[in-house]
Each structure stands twice: as C-alpha cells, then as structure tokens.
Protein backbone atom coordinates (compact mmCIF):
# COMPACT_ATOMS: atom_id res chain seq x y z
CA MET A 1 63.67 -3.57 -66.85
CA SER A 2 61.42 -2.88 -64.02
CA GLU A 3 61.48 -5.95 -61.65
CA GLU A 4 58.57 -6.03 -59.49
CA ASN A 5 59.50 -6.93 -55.45
CA THR A 6 61.89 -9.73 -55.96
CA THR A 7 62.24 -11.80 -53.01
CA ARG A 8 64.67 -14.30 -51.95
CA ILE A 9 65.62 -16.38 -48.70
CA TYR A 10 69.15 -17.03 -47.27
CA THR A 11 70.88 -18.64 -44.52
CA VAL A 12 74.04 -16.54 -43.49
CA ASN A 13 77.18 -17.89 -41.73
CA LEU A 14 78.14 -14.71 -39.49
CA ALA A 15 81.34 -16.61 -38.04
CA LYS A 16 83.80 -13.99 -39.76
CA ALA A 17 82.43 -11.88 -36.94
CA TRP A 18 84.80 -13.76 -34.49
CA ASP A 19 87.82 -12.82 -36.04
CA THR A 20 87.06 -9.16 -34.94
CA PRO A 21 87.93 -8.25 -31.43
CA LYS A 22 84.84 -9.05 -28.98
CA TYR A 23 83.58 -5.56 -28.24
CA ARG A 24 83.18 -5.16 -32.09
CA ARG A 25 81.57 -8.36 -33.05
CA THR A 26 77.91 -7.19 -33.65
CA ASP A 27 79.10 -4.11 -35.55
CA ARG A 28 80.74 -6.62 -37.75
CA VAL A 29 77.91 -9.07 -38.20
CA ILE A 30 75.91 -5.76 -39.36
CA ASN A 31 78.48 -5.16 -42.13
CA ILE A 32 78.52 -8.95 -43.28
CA ILE A 33 74.61 -8.76 -43.51
CA LYS A 34 75.15 -5.74 -45.84
CA GLU A 35 77.70 -7.07 -47.71
CA PHE A 36 75.93 -10.05 -48.51
CA THR A 37 72.89 -8.58 -49.53
CA ARG A 38 75.11 -6.30 -52.03
CA ARG A 39 76.50 -9.19 -53.61
CA HIS A 40 73.64 -11.56 -54.08
CA MET A 41 70.99 -8.90 -54.93
CA GLN A 42 73.23 -6.79 -56.96
CA THR A 43 72.53 -3.18 -55.50
CA ASN A 44 73.86 -0.76 -52.76
CA LYS A 45 70.92 0.34 -51.16
CA VAL A 46 70.25 -1.81 -48.13
CA LYS A 47 68.04 -1.60 -45.49
CA ILE A 48 67.97 -3.52 -42.43
CA ASP A 49 64.68 -4.42 -40.83
CA GLN A 50 64.17 -3.09 -37.21
CA ASP A 51 63.28 -6.45 -35.77
CA LEU A 52 66.21 -7.98 -37.57
CA ASN A 53 68.14 -5.34 -35.77
CA ARG A 54 67.04 -6.03 -32.24
CA HIS A 55 67.27 -9.85 -33.00
CA ILE A 56 70.94 -9.09 -33.59
CA TRP A 57 71.61 -6.83 -30.97
CA SER A 58 69.50 -8.85 -28.16
CA ARG A 59 72.52 -10.59 -26.90
CA GLY A 60 74.58 -7.61 -26.60
CA LYS A 61 77.57 -6.19 -28.64
CA LYS A 62 80.06 -9.27 -27.87
CA ASN A 63 77.71 -12.52 -28.56
CA PRO A 64 75.62 -11.73 -31.81
CA PRO A 65 74.17 -15.03 -33.43
CA ARG A 66 76.38 -17.35 -35.81
CA LYS A 67 74.05 -18.01 -38.31
CA ILE A 68 70.83 -16.23 -39.17
CA ARG A 69 68.07 -16.85 -41.66
CA LEU A 70 67.15 -13.64 -43.87
CA ARG A 71 64.44 -12.72 -45.97
CA MET A 72 65.81 -10.07 -48.76
CA ILE A 73 63.11 -8.13 -50.93
CA LYS A 74 64.13 -5.89 -53.68
CA GLU A 75 61.72 -3.24 -54.39
CA ASP A 76 61.33 -1.22 -57.63
CA ASP A 77 63.98 1.37 -56.69
CA ASP A 78 66.63 -1.08 -56.24
CA THR A 79 66.58 -0.77 -52.63
CA VAL A 80 66.67 -4.16 -50.69
CA VAL A 81 65.06 -4.55 -47.36
CA VAL A 82 66.45 -7.21 -45.21
CA SER A 83 64.38 -8.89 -42.54
CA SER A 84 64.58 -12.11 -40.39
CA PHE A 85 62.85 -15.21 -41.86
CA ILE A 86 60.37 -17.12 -39.88
CA GLU A 87 58.70 -20.42 -41.49
CA GLU A 88 55.06 -19.69 -40.69
CA LYS A 89 53.24 -22.35 -42.92
CA GLY A 90 54.95 -25.48 -41.46
CA SER A 91 54.85 -24.51 -38.06
CA GLU A 92 51.50 -23.34 -37.75
CA LEU A 93 49.78 -26.55 -38.86
CA SER A 94 51.44 -28.67 -36.72
CA GLU A 95 50.54 -26.37 -33.58
CA GLU A 96 46.95 -26.35 -34.81
CA SER A 97 46.40 -30.03 -34.86
CA VAL A 98 48.17 -30.05 -31.51
CA GLU A 99 46.40 -27.42 -29.70
CA VAL A 100 42.80 -29.02 -31.12
CA GLU A 101 43.06 -32.53 -29.67
CA GLU A 102 45.12 -31.69 -26.36
CA PRO A 103 42.47 -29.34 -24.64
CA LYS A 104 39.76 -31.89 -24.64
CA VAL A 105 41.81 -34.63 -22.94
CA GLN A 106 43.32 -32.06 -20.53
CA ASP A 107 39.61 -30.82 -19.54
CA GLU A 108 38.43 -34.07 -18.81
CA LYS A 109 41.32 -35.04 -16.64
CA LYS A 110 40.96 -31.80 -14.66
CA VAL A 111 37.13 -32.53 -13.88
CA GLU A 112 37.97 -36.15 -12.46
CA LYS A 113 40.85 -34.68 -10.41
CA VAL A 114 38.48 -31.61 -8.94
CA GLU A 115 35.65 -34.29 -8.00
CA LYS A 116 37.90 -36.84 -6.43
CA GLU A 117 40.21 -34.61 -4.57
CA PRO A 118 38.13 -32.28 -2.48
CA LYS A 119 36.29 -35.31 -1.07
CA VAL A 120 39.35 -36.99 0.41
CA GLN A 121 40.54 -34.02 1.70
CA ASP A 122 37.37 -32.91 3.32
CA GLU A 123 37.40 -36.45 5.08
CA LYS A 124 40.84 -35.82 6.36
CA LYS A 125 40.11 -32.48 7.76
CA VAL A 126 37.20 -33.78 9.67
CA GLU A 127 38.90 -36.77 11.12
CA LYS A 128 41.73 -34.40 12.61
CA VAL A 129 39.37 -31.76 13.81
CA GLU A 130 37.42 -34.69 15.86
CA LYS A 131 40.61 -36.00 16.99
CA GLU A 132 42.03 -32.65 18.35
CA PRO A 133 39.25 -31.73 20.80
CA LYS A 134 39.27 -35.20 22.48
CA ASP A 135 42.83 -35.14 23.06
CA ASN A 136 42.55 -31.35 24.44
CA SER A 137 39.90 -32.49 26.72
CA LYS A 138 41.97 -35.26 28.76
C-alpha cells in the first residue's frame, strides 16, 4: 500500500477565523489549515511550507487572508506538506506573448520622441539666450 507523492489542490475558506478574537486570528488560520489537511488527506502528520506560513503571517496577527489556495503533497511516510498554489502555466503564456510584442513598439516610439524633442528644446534655448543679452544691454 505504498502511494507515491499524491498531490491535491484545494481552495480553503478561512472565514471561521473571524469567530475568534482579533489577536488570535492568524493562529486560528494555521489550525484551520491543519484540520482541513488532516480531514482530506487522512493523516496526522502535517507540515506547513515556510513560504505559505510567511504569506499567512504577512498581514499580521489580526488580519489573515479570508481564502487561500493550497497544494497538498502526501509523501511515502504519510507526511503531508502543505504549500501555497500558484498557477504558472496559464499566466506564463499570456505574459510571454505580451512581453514579446510590446518592447518592439515601445522602442520605436522612444526613438522618435528622442529625435524630435531635443531639436525643439535646443531652438527654444537658443532664442532665450539671444533675447536675454539684448534686454540687458538697453
């Protein structure tokens, strides 16, 4: 009965933490995650990933997140490691296609602006410099 790393992804509602006093909310969120993991992965050995712990505590002890997306990985020795789940495949494709197209257009616009603006500024500066000495000589 050896299971190789079973992975599951859940969205956990953490609203029960708001039933506890403000100064214990984040502590309660950690306990909710552990209870949820024990129930769904059927084990008592639960470890919370360091990044997930930092994410939960990032807003302090009184204001934890209301919902969180979790990845639970059950290892051979019945230990479950809980970490935050971030969708990488869909977001990477859309970002790459946008990044490839935009820099070309932006570079062309920057080149045009750089060429036009200094000429206009130089002419204005030259006119101002010429006018000022004439006014001072009168």
